[in-house]
Every structure is written in structure tokens, then in C-alpha cells.
């Protein structure tokens, strides 16, 4: 597109000439791709990377990570904390999206790490995720710098904040303290993205977290907003109306197909 703009000729004005200003065609400035286009391209490239493990690819259809991370707005250059990241399925994709100018912290606590065997070492072997750093520490012991991250991604772990293991195999977690820590660690305007298995409305989080490993979406919203986060949007990407919200999420009848909510919170700028 070209636009007509008046060009004032300073010399003409200085000489007192009464000629009218000329008009000339000035090419429109090419501002390049929008932020949304940049993010979409980065996510698409990450998802199609030929180095992604086959086991990860097999999970994509049910987990839809590309759509989830696009919804969260994860972009090149971001500093991201993948909280209770498990085997690193999301860590791998995050690493490729943020690229060499960004970084990802791959966090796990001792129970998570102990259950994963060699999976973590294999994922980061030979420097294949060079912008990823591992952080193995209990949730209550997280020590993060103020404004350290542009985004925190918490996938399928919020219900574990309320999980109570009678045998002590899972630590009691102070969810209020954790959310305060995450809020402080996010830069102003930073994103807190949450995905979790949905429980029935009004379900007690300790009961649903310890039983079917689910949580009422309203509890997540309440806790995050109490910590200061603002709910910006929710998505139906992973909703499944055929899930009755009571089945244990590891049951083969619902595994990887549970009804899951996706929430994007933001720390006010």
C-alpha cells in the first residue's frame, strides 16, 4: 500500500514563495511480522523439530502442547520456569520456542525425580537442550530472584499442592508461600500458565488432589488471584465433556484424555 503525504519544502517557505506544497508517493514502511505471527512461527517450528523424541510425538494429539503454549504466549527470548516439569515433555518444546536468546529452568522435586529414572539425563544428554538448566529442589525450598522469569508454566501439578501422602512419599506443600514466590519471581507483565485435571465443582482440593488427582478450577483461580495474579483468559483446548470428573486420571480409560482446564494468569505490569 502507498500513501499520499504532503511534503513541505523548507527552502520554498524560507524564500517566501507561494507555491503549494508538492505531494509525492512514499512507500509504506514494512513493519515485519507481528508478535503473534512470530510466536506462532516459533511454536510451529518447535513442534516440528525432527529431534523431538518419538515418545513425545505420540503424546501430542492428546496434550496439544503447541496450542497450549501458543495460548500462553511463550515467545522467543523468554526466560521460563517449567515447574514440577516431570520428564520434560514441555521443557523440550519450551527450549525450542525461546531459542538461544531465551532460557528454561527444568524444575523437579525429589519424588518426581526419583520416579523418572534416566529420563531426565537422556533428555538433556550431550547438550541437546543447551538453554535448559535443571533445578532439583523441594517446592517449599524454591529460592528465586525477583523478576527472574517472563513466564512460569505449571502443567498438571497444581493439584499436587494439596496432595497428602500418608506414607510421607510426597511432601506437604505450602501453596500460599509457593504462589507468593512465583509472583515475586515473575517480571511485571509476566505470564503464569496453568493446566490441570478438572475435578467436580466444589470438590475439596485435599480430597480431589489425593484421590483422583484433580482439582476444582475455581480453587486454582481463587489461589492465584489471592496471590495477586490476574486471570486474563481461559481456553477449552483440552476440555473433554465425556469425563465424569471422578475417575483417577491414571486410569487407562481416561489417561491423557481427562477434562483439563487451561488458564492464563498475568502479573500486573
Protein backbone atom coordinates (compact mmCIF):
# COMPACT_ATOMS: atom_id res chain seq x y z
CA UNK A 1 0.00 0.00 0.00
CA UNK A 2 1.20 3.54 -0.75
CA UNK A 3 0.05 6.70 0.98
CA UNK A 4 -0.09 10.33 -0.17
CA UNK A 5 1.64 12.69 2.26
CA UNK A 6 2.30 16.44 1.95
CA UNK A 7 6.00 17.32 1.67
CA UNK A 8 6.87 20.81 2.94
CA UNK A 9 9.82 22.24 1.09
CA UNK A 10 11.70 24.35 3.63
CA UNK A 11 13.60 26.34 1.03
CA UNK A 12 10.40 27.47 -0.67
CA UNK A 13 8.98 28.69 2.62
CA UNK A 14 12.18 30.49 3.54
CA UNK A 15 12.17 32.32 0.20
CA UNK A 16 8.56 33.33 0.65
CA UNK A 17 7.43 31.52 -2.47
CA UNK A 18 3.72 30.97 -2.60
CA UNK A 19 3.85 27.68 -4.45
CA UNK A 20 1.69 24.97 -2.91
CA UNK A 21 3.42 22.03 -1.20
CA UNK A 22 4.03 19.12 -3.51
CA UNK A 23 2.62 15.66 -2.93
CA UNK A 24 4.68 12.57 -3.53
CA UNK A 25 4.22 8.84 -3.12
CA UNK A 26 6.06 7.36 -0.14
CA UNK A 27 6.20 3.57 0.18
CA UNK A 28 4.57 2.26 3.34
CA UNK A 29 7.04 1.03 5.95
CA UNK A 30 7.24 -2.75 6.17
CA UNK A 31 6.99 -3.34 9.91
CA UNK A 32 7.63 -7.08 9.56
CA UNK A 33 5.66 -9.86 11.21
CA UNK A 34 3.52 -9.14 14.24
CA UNK A 35 4.36 -10.55 17.67
CA UNK A 36 1.51 -13.03 17.25
CA UNK A 37 3.00 -14.22 13.95
CA UNK A 38 6.47 -14.54 15.48
CA UNK A 39 5.11 -16.60 18.37
CA UNK A 40 3.03 -18.80 16.08
CA UNK A 41 6.03 -19.50 13.84
CA UNK A 42 8.28 -20.29 16.81
CA UNK A 43 5.72 -22.72 18.25
CA UNK A 44 5.20 -24.41 14.88
CA UNK A 45 8.96 -24.79 14.37
CA UNK A 46 9.37 -26.25 17.88
CA UNK A 47 6.60 -28.78 17.35
CA UNK A 48 8.02 -29.94 14.02
CA UNK A 49 11.64 -30.20 15.18
CA UNK A 50 12.93 -33.58 13.93
CA UNK A 51 14.96 -34.05 17.13
CA UNK A 52 11.90 -34.39 19.35
CA UNK A 53 11.68 -37.87 20.90
CA UNK A 54 9.19 -40.30 19.38
CA UNK A 55 7.52 -40.83 22.75
CA UNK A 56 6.77 -37.11 22.93
CA UNK A 57 5.32 -37.08 19.44
CA UNK A 58 2.97 -39.90 20.40
CA UNK A 59 1.51 -37.70 23.18
CA UNK A 60 0.98 -34.59 21.08
CA UNK A 61 -2.52 -35.42 19.86
CA UNK A 62 -3.91 -35.66 23.40
CA UNK A 63 -1.77 -33.00 25.08
CA UNK A 64 -1.84 -30.36 22.30
CA UNK A 65 1.25 -28.57 23.62
CA UNK A 66 1.59 -26.30 20.62
CA UNK A 67 -1.88 -24.88 21.13
CA UNK A 68 -1.36 -24.58 24.87
CA UNK A 69 1.94 -22.70 24.60
CA UNK A 70 0.58 -20.50 21.84
CA UNK A 71 -2.28 -19.63 24.19
CA UNK A 72 0.20 -18.83 26.95
CA UNK A 73 2.11 -16.59 24.54
CA UNK A 74 5.52 -18.18 25.05
CA UNK A 75 7.87 -16.31 22.71
CA UNK A 76 11.49 -16.33 21.55
CA UNK A 77 13.84 -14.80 24.10
CA UNK A 78 11.66 -15.51 27.14
CA UNK A 79 13.00 -16.79 30.45
CA UNK A 80 10.69 -19.62 31.54
CA UNK A 81 10.31 -21.75 34.67
CA UNK A 82 8.78 -25.18 33.99
CA UNK A 83 7.54 -26.00 37.49
CA UNK A 84 7.40 -29.68 38.54
CA UNK A 85 8.30 -30.49 34.96
CA UNK A 86 8.39 -34.27 35.31
CA UNK A 87 10.12 -35.91 32.37
CA UNK A 88 10.46 -32.64 30.49
CA UNK A 89 7.88 -33.09 27.75
CA UNK A 90 7.02 -29.39 27.90
CA UNK A 91 10.60 -28.37 28.74
CA UNK A 92 11.79 -29.66 25.38
CA UNK A 93 9.25 -27.65 23.43
CA UNK A 94 9.78 -24.55 25.57
CA UNK A 95 13.51 -24.78 24.93
CA UNK A 96 12.99 -24.72 21.19
CA UNK A 97 10.46 -21.86 21.30
CA UNK A 98 12.53 -19.47 23.42
CA UNK A 99 15.67 -20.24 21.43
CA UNK A 100 19.23 -19.20 22.06
CA UNK A 101 18.27 -15.81 23.44
CA UNK A 102 15.93 -17.37 26.00
CA UNK A 103 16.28 -19.90 28.80
CA UNK A 104 14.27 -22.58 30.57
CA UNK A 105 14.58 -23.85 34.14
CA UNK A 106 13.66 -27.52 34.35
CA UNK A 107 12.36 -27.96 37.92
CA UNK A 108 11.57 -31.12 39.83
CA UNK A 109 11.43 -32.16 43.46
CA UNK A 110 12.87 -35.39 44.83
CA UNK A 111 9.73 -37.57 44.44
CA UNK A 112 9.33 -36.53 40.81
CA UNK A 113 12.99 -37.02 40.01
CA UNK A 114 13.20 -40.40 41.74
CA UNK A 115 10.30 -41.72 39.66
CA UNK A 116 11.81 -40.72 36.33
CA UNK A 117 14.95 -42.84 36.30
CA UNK A 118 17.22 -41.94 33.38
CA UNK A 119 14.60 -39.93 31.52
CA UNK A 120 15.97 -36.56 32.58
CA UNK A 121 19.56 -37.40 31.75
CA UNK A 122 18.53 -38.69 28.34
CA UNK A 123 16.58 -35.55 27.56
CA UNK A 124 19.49 -33.23 28.28
CA UNK A 125 22.33 -35.53 27.17
CA UNK A 126 25.16 -34.16 25.04
CA UNK A 127 23.94 -30.60 25.42
CA UNK A 128 20.94 -31.16 23.16
CA UNK A 129 18.95 -28.57 25.16
CA UNK A 130 21.72 -26.06 25.72
CA UNK A 131 19.44 -23.30 27.01
CA UNK A 132 17.93 -25.52 29.72
CA UNK A 133 19.15 -25.70 33.32
CA UNK A 134 17.95 -28.28 35.85
CA UNK A 135 16.78 -27.23 39.30
CA UNK A 136 16.13 -30.07 41.74
CA UNK A 137 14.72 -28.71 44.97
CA UNK A 138 11.63 -29.17 47.08
CA UNK A 139 8.84 -26.77 46.23
CA UNK A 140 8.92 -25.12 49.65
CA UNK A 141 12.66 -24.54 49.26
CA UNK A 142 12.48 -22.69 45.96
CA UNK A 143 14.67 -19.59 46.07
CA UNK A 144 14.14 -17.41 43.02
CA UNK A 145 15.31 -13.92 42.14
CA UNK A 146 12.73 -11.12 41.83
CA UNK A 147 11.68 -10.66 38.21
CA UNK A 148 13.79 -13.66 37.14
CA UNK A 149 11.21 -15.07 34.71
CA UNK A 150 8.93 -13.87 31.93
CA UNK A 151 6.71 -16.92 32.30
CA UNK A 152 6.01 -19.78 34.69
CA UNK A 153 4.38 -22.88 33.22
CA UNK A 154 2.70 -25.26 35.66
CA UNK A 155 1.26 -28.28 33.85
CA UNK A 156 -0.74 -30.96 35.69
CA UNK A 157 0.80 -30.14 39.04
CA UNK A 158 -1.41 -27.64 40.83
CA UNK A 159 -3.48 -30.42 42.39
CA UNK A 160 -0.25 -31.81 43.90
CA UNK A 161 0.00 -28.72 46.08
CA UNK A 162 -2.89 -30.23 48.04
CA UNK A 163 -1.84 -33.86 47.75
CA UNK A 164 -1.29 -35.57 51.09
CA UNK A 165 0.60 -38.89 51.10
CA UNK A 166 0.02 -40.86 54.27
CA UNK A 167 3.36 -42.63 53.88
CA UNK A 168 5.27 -39.36 53.54
CA UNK A 169 6.31 -40.09 49.95
CA UNK A 170 5.07 -36.67 48.92
CA UNK A 171 5.92 -33.56 50.99
CA UNK A 172 3.35 -31.20 52.43
CA UNK A 173 3.50 -28.05 50.33
CA UNK A 174 2.62 -24.52 51.41
CA UNK A 175 0.66 -23.44 48.34
CA UNK A 176 0.26 -19.88 49.61
CA UNK A 177 4.01 -19.44 50.04
CA UNK A 178 4.71 -21.02 46.66
CA UNK A 179 2.36 -18.69 44.79
CA UNK A 180 3.89 -15.69 46.58
CA UNK A 181 7.33 -16.89 45.49
CA UNK A 182 6.21 -17.32 41.88
CA UNK A 183 4.55 -13.90 41.86
CA UNK A 184 7.75 -12.26 43.06
CA UNK A 185 9.88 -14.22 40.58
CA UNK A 186 7.82 -13.11 37.59
CA UNK A 187 8.71 -9.87 35.86
CA UNK A 188 5.87 -7.32 35.70
CA UNK A 189 3.55 -8.39 32.91
CA UNK A 190 4.80 -11.97 33.17
CA UNK A 191 2.58 -14.98 32.43
CA UNK A 192 1.57 -17.74 34.83
CA UNK A 193 0.15 -20.57 32.73
CA UNK A 194 -1.73 -23.43 34.43
CA UNK A 195 -3.08 -26.71 33.07
CA UNK A 196 -4.68 -29.30 35.33
CA UNK A 197 -7.17 -32.13 35.54
CA UNK A 198 -10.64 -30.84 36.38
CA UNK A 199 -12.49 -32.01 39.48
CA UNK A 200 -16.18 -31.56 40.17
CA UNK A 201 -17.24 -28.05 41.15
CA UNK A 202 -16.93 -27.55 44.87
CA UNK A 203 -14.66 -30.56 45.38
CA UNK A 204 -12.38 -30.29 48.40
CA UNK A 205 -8.86 -29.85 46.95
CA UNK A 206 -7.20 -32.14 49.50
CA UNK A 207 -9.67 -34.93 48.73
CA UNK A 208 -9.60 -34.49 44.96
CA UNK A 209 -5.84 -33.97 44.88
CA UNK A 210 -5.12 -37.08 46.90
CA UNK A 211 -7.81 -39.27 45.33
CA UNK A 212 -8.42 -38.84 41.60
CA UNK A 213 -5.52 -36.34 41.30
CA UNK A 214 -7.73 -33.50 40.16
CA UNK A 215 -8.63 -30.00 41.32
CA UNK A 216 -11.62 -27.72 41.01
CA UNK A 217 -10.77 -24.92 38.58
CA UNK A 218 -12.34 -22.42 40.96
CA UNK A 219 -9.74 -23.29 43.61
CA UNK A 220 -6.89 -22.52 41.21
CA UNK A 221 -8.46 -19.22 40.26
CA UNK A 222 -9.03 -18.31 43.89
CA UNK A 223 -5.50 -19.15 44.97
CA UNK A 224 -3.79 -17.44 42.06
CA UNK A 225 -5.89 -14.29 42.34
CA UNK A 226 -5.30 -14.15 46.10
CA UNK A 227 -1.57 -14.14 45.33
CA UNK A 228 -2.05 -11.13 43.07
CA UNK A 229 -2.29 -12.73 39.64
CA UNK A 230 -4.98 -11.57 37.25
CA UNK A 231 -6.88 -14.16 35.22
CA UNK A 232 -6.51 -12.99 31.65
CA UNK A 233 -8.13 -15.84 29.73
CA UNK A 234 -9.16 -19.48 29.82
CA UNK A 235 -9.18 -21.99 26.98
CA UNK A 236 -11.22 -25.07 26.10
CA UNK A 237 -8.32 -26.64 24.17
CA UNK A 238 -8.20 -29.71 26.44
CA UNK A 239 -11.80 -29.97 27.56
CA UNK A 240 -13.49 -33.39 27.45
CA UNK A 241 -17.22 -33.37 28.24
CA UNK A 242 -17.22 -37.18 28.39
CA UNK A 243 -15.04 -37.22 31.52
CA UNK A 244 -17.18 -37.59 34.64
CA UNK A 245 -14.50 -35.74 36.71
CA UNK A 246 -14.26 -38.51 39.32
CA UNK A 247 -12.08 -41.16 37.66
CA UNK A 248 -8.44 -41.35 38.74
CA UNK A 249 -6.55 -39.65 35.95
CA UNK A 250 -4.06 -42.54 35.63
CA UNK A 251 -6.85 -44.99 34.77
CA UNK A 252 -6.44 -46.30 31.23
CA UNK A 253 -10.00 -45.29 30.39
CA UNK A 254 -9.17 -41.60 30.80
CA UNK A 255 -5.37 -41.29 30.85
CA UNK A 256 -4.21 -38.38 28.63
CA UNK A 257 -7.87 -37.69 27.86
CA UNK A 258 -9.13 -36.22 31.14
CA UNK A 259 -11.09 -32.99 31.15
CA UNK A 260 -8.39 -30.36 31.63
CA UNK A 261 -8.69 -26.61 32.11
CA UNK A 262 -6.11 -24.18 30.71
CA UNK A 263 -5.73 -20.81 32.42
CA UNK A 264 -3.55 -17.82 31.59
CA UNK A 265 -2.83 -15.52 34.51
CA UNK A 266 -0.66 -12.43 34.37
CA UNK A 267 1.28 -10.42 36.90
CA UNK A 268 0.13 -6.81 36.50
CA UNK A 269 2.66 -4.65 34.67
